Amino acid sequence: MTRTAFALTGLLLILSAGLIAQPEDEAPRITQAQFKKLIAAKDVIIVDTRNPDAYERGHIPGALLLPLEGQLTWSDEKQKSVVEPLKHARKPVVTYCA
């Protein structure tokens, strides 16, 4: 499967069987309407990449917390419960930081 990333105003949609890193400026854009369709179809995994305090103040319902600022220091539990399942996700993965 080809890995393709789409950015959407503070969101990065990753269509792949695994999690990929790609500079935001290289990611094609999708519309908010397209993102809303994915949510309505329940065909998306949403990941909040902000810090835990920001997540607690408010997040998209159902979003998983995976702070990017801790990318090199994720706990073993976070690695096992969030990162590894994302690598094998069959649904599109949307990340956001704002």
PDB file of N, CA and C in Angstrom:
ATOM      1  N   MET A   1       0.842  -1.178   0.000  1.00  0.00           N
ATOM      2  CA  MET A   1       0.000   0.000   0.000  1.00  0.00           C
ATOM      3  C   MET A   1       0.884   1.237   0.000  1.00  0.00           C
ATOM      4  N   THR A   2       0.569   2.190  -0.837  1.00  0.00           N
ATOM      5  CA  THR A   2       1.305   3.444  -0.868  1.00  0.00           C
ATOM      6  C   THR A   2       0.907   4.278   0.332  1.00  0.00           C
ATOM      7  N   ARG A   3       1.849   4.870   0.973  1.00  0.00           N
ATOM      8  CA  ARG A   3       1.568   5.727   2.123  1.00  0.00           C
ATOM      9  C   ARG A   3       1.402   7.152   1.639  1.00  0.00           C
ATOM     10  N   THR A   4       0.251   7.744   1.937  1.00  0.00           N
ATOM     11  CA  THR A   4      -0.048   9.087   1.493  1.00  0.00           C
ATOM     12  C   THR A   4      -0.510   9.910   2.679  1.00  0.00           C
ATOM     13  N   ALA A   5      -0.032  11.126   2.797  1.00  0.00           N
ATOM     14  CA  ALA A   5      -0.432  11.990   3.906  1.00  0.00           C
ATOM     15  C   ALA A   5      -1.184  13.203   3.376  1.00  0.00           C
ATOM     16  N   PHE A   6      -2.198  13.613   4.103  1.00  0.00           N
ATOM     17  CA  PHE A   6      -2.995  14.783   3.761  1.00  0.00           C
ATOM     18  C   PHE A   6      -3.065  15.693   4.980  1.00  0.00           C
ATOM     19  N   ALA A   7      -2.773  16.972   4.824  1.00  0.00           N
ATOM     20  CA  ALA A   7      -2.859  17.913   5.938  1.00  0.00           C
ATOM     21  C   ALA A   7      -4.172  18.677   5.859  1.00  0.00           C
ATOM     22  N   LEU A   8      -4.733  19.005   7.008  1.00  0.00           N
ATOM     23  CA  LEU A   8      -5.986  19.743   7.080  1.00  0.00           C
ATOM     24  C   LEU A   8      -5.903  20.684   8.266  1.00  0.00           C
ATOM     25  N   THR A   9      -5.637  21.950   8.036  1.00  0.00           N
ATOM     26  CA  THR A   9      -5.599  22.980   9.053  1.00  0.00           C
ATOM     27  C   THR A   9      -5.416  22.428  10.461  1.00  0.00           C
ATOM     28  N   GLY A  10      -4.215  22.146  10.822  1.00  0.00           N
ATOM     29  CA  GLY A  10      -3.917  21.618  12.143  1.00  0.00           C
ATOM     30  C   GLY A  10      -4.065  20.107  12.227  1.00  0.00           C
ATOM     31  N   LEU A  11      -4.423  19.471  11.123  1.00  0.00           N
ATOM     32  CA  LEU A  11      -4.604  18.019  11.121  1.00  0.00           C
ATOM     33  C   LEU A  11      -3.701  17.388  10.086  1.00  0.00           C
ATOM     34  N   LEU A  12      -3.255  16.212  10.352  1.00  0.00           N
ATOM     35  CA  LEU A  12      -2.482  15.449   9.377  1.00  0.00           C
ATOM     36  C   LEU A  12      -3.174  14.113   9.225  1.00  0.00           C
ATOM     37  N   LEU A  13      -3.670  13.842   8.037  1.00  0.00           N
ATOM     38  CA  LEU A  13      -4.357  12.583   7.776  1.00  0.00           C
ATOM     39  C   LEU A  13      -3.369  11.641   7.134  1.00  0.00           C
ATOM     40  N   ILE A  14      -3.161  10.509   7.736  1.00  0.00           N
ATOM     41  CA  ILE A  14      -2.200   9.558   7.214  1.00  0.00           C
ATOM     42  C   ILE A  14      -2.962   8.331   6.741  1.00  0.00           C
ATOM     43  N   LEU A  15      -2.983   8.128   5.419  1.00  0.00           N
ATOM     44  CA  LEU A  15      -3.631   6.961   4.846  1.00  0.00           C
ATOM     45  C   LEU A  15      -2.558   5.922   4.586  1.00  0.00           C
ATOM     46  N   SER A  16      -2.466   4.972   5.478  1.00  0.00           N
ATOM     47  CA  SER A  16      -1.446   3.953   5.328  1.00  0.00           C
ATOM     48  C   SER A  16      -1.720   2.812   6.278  1.00  0.00           C
ATOM     49  N   ALA A  17      -0.974   1.773   6.117  1.00  0.00           N
ATOM     50  CA  ALA A  17      -1.062   0.654   7.049  1.00  0.00           C
ATOM     51  C   ALA A  17      -0.199   0.927   8.269  1.00  0.00           C
ATOM     52  N   GLY A  18       0.593   1.990   8.236  1.00  0.00           N
ATOM     53  CA  GLY A  18       1.454   2.320   9.356  1.00  0.00           C
ATOM     54  C   GLY A  18       1.583   3.817   9.521  1.00  0.00           C
ATOM     55  N   LEU A  19       2.239   4.209  10.581  1.00  0.00           N
ATOM     56  CA  LEU A  19       2.447   5.614  10.891  1.00  0.00           C
ATOM     57  C   LEU A  19       3.698   6.086  10.160  1.00  0.00           C
ATOM     58  N   ILE A  20       3.587   7.213   9.449  1.00  0.00           N
ATOM     59  CA  ILE A  20       4.741   7.736   8.732  1.00  0.00           C
ATOM     60  C   ILE A  20       4.992   9.165   9.157  1.00  0.00           C
ATOM     61  N   ALA A  21       6.204   9.601   9.019  1.00  0.00           N
ATOM     62  CA  ALA A  21       6.556  10.974   9.312  1.00  0.00           C
ATOM     63  C   ALA A  21       6.858  11.647   7.981  1.00  0.00           C
ATOM     64  N   GLN A  22       6.250  12.790   7.766  1.00  0.00           N
ATOM     65  CA  GLN A  22       6.459  13.521   6.530  1.00  0.00           C
ATOM     66  C   GLN A  22       6.325  15.001   6.848  1.00  0.00           C
ATOM     67  N   PRO A  23       7.230  15.835   6.361  1.00  0.00           N
ATOM     68  CA  PRO A  23       7.106  17.268   6.634  1.00  0.00           C
ATOM     69  C   PRO A  23       5.747  17.780   6.182  1.00  0.00           C
ATOM     70  N   GLU A  24       5.140  18.659   7.004  1.00  0.00           N
ATOM     71  CA  GLU A  24       3.806  19.167   6.712  1.00  0.00           C
ATOM     72  C   GLU A  24       3.730  19.837   5.344  1.00  0.00           C
ATOM     73  N   ASP A  25       4.797  20.537   4.944  1.00  0.00           N
ATOM     74  CA  ASP A  25       4.747  21.248   3.674  1.00  0.00           C
ATOM     75  C   ASP A  25       4.722  20.301   2.471  1.00  0.00           C
ATOM     76  N   GLU A  26       4.977  19.019   2.678  1.00  0.00           N
ATOM     77  CA  GLU A  26       4.920  18.048   1.594  1.00  0.00           C
ATOM     78  C   GLU A  26       3.581  17.320   1.552  1.00  0.00           C
ATOM     79  N   ALA A  27       2.719  17.545   2.530  1.00  0.00           N
ATOM     80  CA  ALA A  27       1.452  16.834   2.600  1.00  0.00           C
ATOM     81  C   ALA A  27       0.369  17.563   1.816  1.00  0.00           C
ATOM     82  N   PRO A  28      -0.311  16.859   0.900  1.00  0.00           N
ATOM     83  CA  PRO A  28      -1.439  17.477   0.203  1.00  0.00           C
ATOM     84  C   PRO A  28      -2.538  17.831   1.194  1.00  0.00           C
ATOM     85  N   ARG A  29      -3.391  18.762   0.841  1.00  0.00           N
ATOM     86  CA  ARG A  29      -4.467  19.218   1.722  1.00  0.00           C
ATOM     87  C   ARG A  29      -5.771  18.493   1.428  1.00  0.00           C
ATOM     88  N   ILE A  30      -6.593  18.323   2.479  1.00  0.00           N
ATOM     89  CA  ILE A  30      -7.963  17.891   2.302  1.00  0.00           C
ATOM     90  C   ILE A  30      -8.849  18.944   2.948  1.00  0.00           C
ATOM     91  N   THR A  31     -10.108  18.927   2.635  1.00  0.00           N
ATOM     92  CA  THR A  31     -11.023  19.925   3.182  1.00  0.00           C
ATOM     93  C   THR A  31     -11.584  19.477   4.522  1.00  0.00           C
ATOM     94  N   GLN A  32     -12.138  20.431   5.253  1.00  0.00           N
ATOM     95  CA  GLN A  32     -12.806  20.084   6.499  1.00  0.00           C
ATOM     96  C   GLN A  32     -14.005  19.191   6.224  1.00  0.00           C
ATOM     97  N   ALA A  33     -14.660  19.408   5.095  1.00  0.00           N
ATOM     98  CA  ALA A  33     -15.807  18.570   4.723  1.00  0.00           C
ATOM     99  C   ALA A  33     -15.364  17.111   4.560  1.00  0.00           C
ATOM    100  N   GLN A  34     -14.215  16.888   3.954  1.00  0.00           N
ATOM    101  CA  GLN A  34     -13.705  15.521   3.793  1.00  0.00           C
ATOM    102  C   GLN A  34     -13.402  14.899   5.157  1.00  0.00           C
ATOM    103  N   PHE A  35     -12.823  15.696   6.040  1.00  0.00           N
ATOM    104  CA  PHE A  35     -12.531  15.205   7.379  1.00  0.00           C
ATOM    105  C   PHE A  35     -13.830  14.874   8.121  1.00  0.00           C
ATOM    106  N   LYS A  36     -14.832  15.744   7.996  1.00  0.00           N
ATOM    107  CA  LYS A  36     -16.121  15.506   8.652  1.00  0.00           C
ATOM    108  C   LYS A  36     -16.779  14.229   8.141  1.00  0.00           C
ATOM    109  N   LYS A  37     -16.617  13.934   6.853  1.00  0.00           N
ATOM    110  CA  LYS A  37     -17.173  12.697   6.298  1.00  0.00           C
ATOM    111  C   LYS A  37     -16.500  11.477   6.928  1.00  0.00           C
ATOM    112  N   LEU A  38     -15.186  11.551   7.117  1.00  0.00           N
ATOM    113  CA  LEU A  38     -14.475  10.442   7.764  1.00  0.00           C
ATOM    114  C   LEU A  38     -14.987  10.230   9.187  1.00  0.00           C
ATOM    115  N   ILE A  39     -15.195  11.319   9.909  1.00  0.00           N
ATOM    116  CA  ILE A  39     -15.702  11.219  11.280  1.00  0.00           C
ATOM    117  C   ILE A  39     -17.110  10.642  11.274  1.00  0.00           C
ATOM    118  N   ALA A  40     -17.970  11.165  10.395  1.00  0.00           N
ATOM    119  CA  ALA A  40     -19.354  10.680  10.327  1.00  0.00           C
ATOM    120  C   ALA A  40     -19.414   9.197   9.978  1.00  0.00           C
ATOM    121  N   ALA A  41     -18.518   8.743   9.125  1.00  0.00           N
ATOM    122  CA  ALA A  41     -18.476   7.336   8.710  1.00  0.00           C
ATOM    123  C   ALA A  41     -17.763   6.459   9.746  1.00  0.00           C
ATOM    124  N   LYS A  42     -17.239   7.087  10.786  1.00  0.00           N
ATOM    125  CA  LYS A  42     -16.463   6.373  11.808  1.00  0.00           C
ATOM    126  C   LYS A  42     -15.344   5.571  11.158  1.00  0.00           C
ATOM    127  N   ASP A  43     -14.731   6.200  10.156  1.00  0.00           N
ATOM    128  CA  ASP A  43     -13.670   5.551   9.389  1.00  0.00           C
ATOM    129  C   ASP A  43     -12.351   6.278   9.592  1.00  0.00           C
ATOM    130  N   VAL A  44     -12.024   6.584  10.846  1.00  0.00           N
ATOM    131  CA  VAL A  44     -10.828   7.354  11.125  1.00  0.00           C
ATOM    132  C   VAL A  44     -10.385   7.115  12.566  1.00  0.00           C
ATOM    133  N   ILE A  45      -9.092   7.160  12.770  1.00  0.00           N
ATOM    134  CA  ILE A  45      -8.514   7.161  14.112  1.00  0.00           C
ATOM    135  C   ILE A  45      -7.958   8.557  14.322  1.00  0.00           C
ATOM    136  N   ILE A  46      -8.337   9.213  15.413  1.00  0.00           N
ATOM    137  CA  ILE A  46      -7.917  10.586  15.673  1.00  0.00           C
ATOM    138  C   ILE A  46      -6.889  10.589  16.799  1.00  0.00           C
ATOM    139  N   VAL A  47      -5.772  11.288  16.560  1.00  0.00           N
ATOM    140  CA  VAL A  47      -4.685  11.360  17.539  1.00  0.00           C
ATOM    141  C   VAL A  47      -4.389  12.821  17.846  1.00  0.00           C
ATOM    142  N   ASP A  48      -4.453  13.164  19.124  1.00  0.00           N
ATOM    143  CA  ASP A  48      -4.139  14.515  19.606  1.00  0.00           C
ATOM    144  C   ASP A  48      -2.664  14.522  19.989  1.00  0.00           C
ATOM    145  N   THR A  49      -1.872  15.370  19.335  1.00  0.00           N
ATOM    146  CA  THR A  49      -0.421  15.375  19.564  1.00  0.00           C
ATOM    147  C   THR A  49       0.040  16.480  20.514  1.00  0.00           C
ATOM    148  N   ARG A  50      -0.931  17.144  21.169  1.00  0.00           N
ATOM    149  CA  ARG A  50      -0.573  18.194  22.124  1.00  0.00           C
ATOM    150  C   ARG A  50      -0.146  17.591  23.450  1.00  0.00           C
ATOM    151  N   ASN A  51       0.234  18.442  24.386  1.00  0.00           N
ATOM    152  CA  ASN A  51       0.642  17.944  25.707  1.00  0.00           C
ATOM    153  C   ASN A  51      -0.595  17.528  26.506  1.00  0.00           C
ATOM    154  N   PRO A  52      -0.404  16.729  27.559  1.00  0.00           N
ATOM    155  CA  PRO A  52      -1.542  16.228  28.340  1.00  0.00           C
ATOM    156  C   PRO A  52      -2.435  17.327  28.924  1.00  0.00           C
ATOM    157  N   ASP A  53      -1.855  18.454  29.343  1.00  0.00           N
ATOM    158  CA  ASP A  53      -2.668  19.539  29.894  1.00  0.00           C
ATOM    159  C   ASP A  53      -3.637  20.094  28.857  1.00  0.00           C
ATOM    160  N   ALA A  54      -3.153  20.319  27.640  1.00  0.00           N
ATOM    161  CA  ALA A  54      -4.008  20.831  26.566  1.00  0.00           C
ATOM    162  C   ALA A  54      -5.095  19.815  26.233  1.00  0.00           C
ATOM    163  N   TYR A  55      -4.736  18.546  26.207  1.00  0.00           N
ATOM    164  CA  TYR A  55      -5.696  17.474  25.928  1.00  0.00           C
ATOM    165  C   TYR A  55      -6.817  17.478  26.966  1.00  0.00           C
ATOM    166  N   GLU A  56      -6.446  17.611  28.235  1.00  0.00           N
ATOM    167  CA  GLU A  56      -7.429  17.615  29.315  1.00  0.00           C
ATOM    168  C   GLU A  56      -8.368  18.823  29.243  1.00  0.00           C
ATOM    169  N   ARG A  57      -7.870  19.939  28.728  1.00  0.00           N
ATOM    170  CA  ARG A  57      -8.713  21.145  28.609  1.00  0.00           C
ATOM    171  C   ARG A  57      -9.753  20.991  27.509  1.00  0.00           C
ATOM    172  N   GLY A  58      -9.539  20.081  26.598  1.00  0.00           N
ATOM    173  CA  GLY A  58     -10.500  19.841  25.536  1.00  0.00           C
ATOM    174  C   GLY A  58      -9.857  19.161  24.348  1.00  0.00           C
ATOM    175  N   HIS A  59     -10.564  18.181  23.786  1.00  0.00           N
ATOM    176  CA  HIS A  59     -10.058  17.453  22.618  1.00  0.00           C
ATOM    177  C   HIS A  59     -11.235  16.908  21.825  1.00  0.00           C
ATOM    178  N   ILE A  60     -10.967  16.475  20.610  1.00  0.00           N
ATOM    179  CA  ILE A  60     -11.991  15.866  19.778  1.00  0.00           C
ATOM    180  C   ILE A  60     -12.407  14.562  20.456  1.00  0.00           C
ATOM    181  N   PRO A  61     -13.717  14.346  20.636  1.00  0.00           N
ATOM    182  CA  PRO A  61     -14.166  13.115  21.296  1.00  0.00           C
ATOM    183  C   PRO A  61     -13.577  11.865  20.634  1.00  0.00           C
ATOM    184  N   GLY A  62     -13.060  10.972  21.469  1.00  0.00           N
ATOM    185  CA  GLY A  62     -12.474   9.727  20.977  1.00  0.00           C
ATOM    186  C   GLY A  62     -11.016   9.824  20.581  1.00  0.00           C
ATOM    187  N   ALA A  63     -10.449  11.029  20.612  1.00  0.00           N
ATOM    188  CA  ALA A  63      -9.048  11.208  20.213  1.00  0.00           C
ATOM    189  C   ALA A  63      -8.112  10.530  21.212  1.00  0.00           C
ATOM    190  N   LEU A  64      -7.085   9.894  20.683  1.00  0.00           N
ATOM    191  CA  LEU A  64      -6.032   9.303  21.502  1.00  0.00           C
ATOM    192  C   LEU A  64      -4.975  10.364  21.772  1.00  0.00           C
ATOM    193  N   LEU A  65      -4.387  10.347  22.951  1.00  0.00           N
ATOM    194  CA  LEU A  65      -3.335  11.303  23.285  1.00  0.00           C
ATOM    195  C   LEU A  65      -1.976  10.694  22.987  1.00  0.00           C
ATOM    196  N   LEU A  66      -1.190  11.376  22.154  1.00  0.00           N
ATOM    197  CA  LEU A  66       0.180  10.957  21.846  1.00  0.00           C
ATOM    198  C   LEU A  66       1.011  12.220  21.614  1.00  0.00           C
ATOM    199  N   PRO A  67       1.494  12.842  22.691  1.00  0.00           N
ATOM    200  CA  PRO A  67       2.233  14.105  22.569  1.00  0.00           C
ATOM    201  C   PRO A  67       3.490  13.965  21.719  1.00  0.00           C
ATOM    202  N   LEU A  68       3.618  14.819  20.712  1.00  0.00           N
ATOM    203  CA  LEU A  68       4.812  14.796  19.867  1.00  0.00           C
ATOM    204  C   LEU A  68       6.034  15.302  20.607  1.00  0.00           C
ATOM    205  N   GLU A  69       5.832  16.200  21.570  1.00  0.00           N
ATOM    206  CA  GLU A  69       6.983  16.718  22.295  1.00  0.00           C
ATOM    207  C   GLU A  69       7.695  15.614  23.069  1.00  0.00           C
ATOM    208  N   GLY A  70       7.045  14.505  23.303  1.00  0.00           N
ATOM    209  CA  GLY A  70       7.659  13.397  24.024  1.00  0.00           C
ATOM    210  C   GLY A  70       8.023  12.248  23.113  1.00  0.00           C
ATOM    211  N   GLN A  71       8.103  12.507  21.822  1.00  0.00           N
ATOM    212  CA  GLN A  71       8.315  11.443  20.847  1.00  0.00           C
ATOM    213  C   GLN A  71       9.490  10.538  21.204  1.00  0.00           C
ATOM    214  N   LEU A  72      10.543  11.090  21.741  1.00  0.00           N
ATOM    215  CA  LEU A  72      11.708  10.280  22.066  1.00  0.00           C
ATOM    216  C   LEU A  72      11.617   9.660  23.455  1.00  0.00           C
ATOM    217  N   THR A  73      10.601  10.059  24.208  1.00  0.00           N
ATOM    218  CA  THR A  73      10.506   9.586  25.585  1.00  0.00           C
ATOM    219  C   THR A  73       9.134   9.017  25.935  1.00  0.00           C
ATOM    220  N   TRP A  74       8.383   8.508  24.943  1.00  0.00           N
ATOM    221  CA  TRP A  74       7.095   7.901  25.270  1.00  0.00           C
ATOM    222  C   TRP A  74       7.325   6.751  26.224  1.00  0.00           C
ATOM    223  N   SER A  75       6.427   6.623  27.167  1.00  0.00           N
ATOM    224  CA  SER A  75       6.524   5.519  28.119  1.00  0.00           C
ATOM    225  C   SER A  75       6.305   4.196  27.386  1.00  0.00           C
ATOM    226  N   ASP A  76       6.737   3.110  28.008  1.00  0.00           N
ATOM    227  CA  ASP A  76       6.518   1.788  27.417  1.00  0.00           C
ATOM    228  C   ASP A  76       5.025   1.543  27.225  1.00  0.00           C
ATOM    229  N   GLU A  77       4.222   2.012  28.191  1.00  0.00           N
ATOM    230  CA  GLU A  77       2.772   1.832  28.095  1.00  0.00           C
ATOM    231  C   GLU A  77       2.205   2.573  26.887  1.00  0.00           C
ATOM    232  N   LYS A  78       2.644   3.833  26.682  1.00  0.00           N
ATOM    233  CA  LYS A  78       2.176   4.635  25.535  1.00  0.00           C
ATOM    234  C   LYS A  78       2.635   3.996  24.228  1.00  0.00           C
ATOM    235  N   GLN A  79       3.848   3.496  24.210  1.00  0.00           N
ATOM    236  CA  GLN A  79       4.376   2.825  23.020  1.00  0.00           C
ATOM    237  C   GLN A  79       3.512   1.604  22.690  1.00  0.00           C
ATOM    238  N   LYS A  80       3.175   0.838  23.714  1.00  0.00           N
ATOM    239  CA  LYS A  80       2.411  -0.393  23.524  1.00  0.00           C
ATOM    240  C   LYS A  80       0.931  -0.111  23.226  1.00  0.00           C
ATOM    241  N   SER A  81       0.326   0.850  23.925  1.00  0.00           N
ATOM    242  CA  SER A  81      -1.115   1.062  23.803  1.00  0.00           C
ATOM    243  C   SER A  81      -1.522   1.989  22.667  1.00  0.00           C
ATOM    244  N   VAL A  82      -0.614   2.865  22.199  1.00  0.00           N
ATOM    245  CA  VAL A  82      -0.977   3.820  21.147  1.00  0.00           C
ATOM    246  C   VAL A  82      -0.096   3.675  19.906  1.00  0.00           C
ATOM    247  N   VAL A  83       1.209   3.762  20.067  1.00  0.00           N
ATOM    248  CA  VAL A  83       2.114   3.789  18.920  1.00  0.00           C
ATOM    249  C   VAL A  83       2.050   2.493  18.107  1.00  0.00           C
ATOM    250  N   GLU A  84       2.205   1.365  18.759  1.00  0.00           N
ATOM    251  CA  GLU A  84       2.213   0.089  18.026  1.00  0.00           C
ATOM    252  C   GLU A  84       0.893  -0.174  17.301  1.00  0.00           C
ATOM    253  N   PRO A  85      -0.275   0.018  17.958  1.00  0.00           N
ATOM    254  CA  PRO A  85      -1.532  -0.167  17.218  1.00  0.00           C
ATOM    255  C   PRO A  85      -1.668   0.783  16.015  1.00  0.00           C
ATOM    256  N   LEU A  86      -1.156   2.002  16.123  1.00  0.00           N
ATOM    257  CA  LEU A  86      -1.230   2.931  14.994  1.00  0.00           C
ATOM    258  C   LEU A  86      -0.411   2.434  13.806  1.00  0.00           C
ATOM    259  N   LYS A  87       0.684   1.769  14.077  1.00  0.00           N
ATOM    260  CA  LYS A  87       1.524   1.246  12.997  1.00  0.00           C
ATOM    261  C   LYS A  87       0.784   0.200  12.168  1.00  0.00           C
ATOM    262  N   HIS A  88      -0.211  -0.430  12.772  1.00  0.00           N
ATOM    263  CA  HIS A  88      -0.947  -1.497  12.099  1.00  0.00           C
ATOM    264  C   HIS A  88      -2.388  -1.099  11.785  1.00  0.00           C
ATOM    265  N   ALA A  89      -2.696   0.173  11.921  1.00  0.00           N
ATOM    266  CA  ALA A  89      -4.062   0.658  11.694  1.00  0.00           C
ATOM    267  C   ALA A  89      -4.498   0.435  10.255  1.00  0.00           C
ATOM    268  N   ARG A  90      -5.734   0.051  10.090  1.00  0.00           N
ATOM    269  CA  ARG A  90      -6.308  -0.138   8.759  1.00  0.00           C
ATOM    270  C   ARG A  90      -7.166   1.056   8.360  1.00  0.00           C
ATOM    271  N   LYS A  91      -7.499   1.892   9.335  1.00  0.00           N
ATOM    272  CA  LYS A  91      -8.267   3.105   9.069  1.00  0.00           C
ATOM    273  C   LYS A  91      -7.296   4.268   8.888  1.00  0.00           C
ATOM    274  N   PRO A  92      -7.747   5.328   8.222  1.00  0.00           N
ATOM    275  CA  PRO A  92      -6.917   6.537   8.154  1.00  0.00           C
ATOM    276  C   PRO A  92      -6.670   7.070   9.576  1.00  0.00           C
ATOM    277  N   VAL A  93      -5.512   7.650   9.781  1.00  0.00           N
ATOM    278  CA  VAL A  93      -5.151   8.235  11.075  1.00  0.00           C
ATOM    279  C   VAL A  93      -5.045   9.740  10.895  1.00  0.00           C
ATOM    280  N   VAL A  94      -5.765  10.492  11.728  1.00  0.00           N
ATOM    281  CA  VAL A  94      -5.730  11.950  11.693  1.00  0.00           C
ATOM    282  C   VAL A  94      -5.043  12.418  12.966  1.00  0.00           C
ATOM    283  N   THR A  95      -4.013  13.229  12.810  1.00  0.00           N
ATOM    284  CA  THR A  95      -3.382  13.829  13.984  1.00  0.00           C
ATOM    285  C   THR A  95      -3.652  15.324  13.961  1.00  0.00           C
ATOM    286  N   TYR A  96      -3.753  15.897  15.156  1.00  0.00           N
ATOM    287  CA  TYR A  96      -3.916  17.348  15.228  1.00  0.00           C
ATOM    288  C   TYR A  96      -3.173  17.893  16.425  1.00  0.00           C
ATOM    289  N   CYS A  97      -2.832  19.182  16.324  1.00  0.00           N
ATOM    290  CA  CYS A  97      -2.070  19.829  17.399  1.00  0.00           C
ATOM    291  C   CYS A  97      -2.631  21.190  17.756  1.00  0.00           C
ATOM    292  N   ALA A  98      -3.780  21.542  17.246  1.00  0.00           N
ATOM    293  CA  ALA A  98      -4.365  22.851  17.565  1.00  0.00           C
ATOM    294  C   ALA A  98      -5.855  22.733  17.732  1.00  0.00           C
TER     295      ALA A  98
END
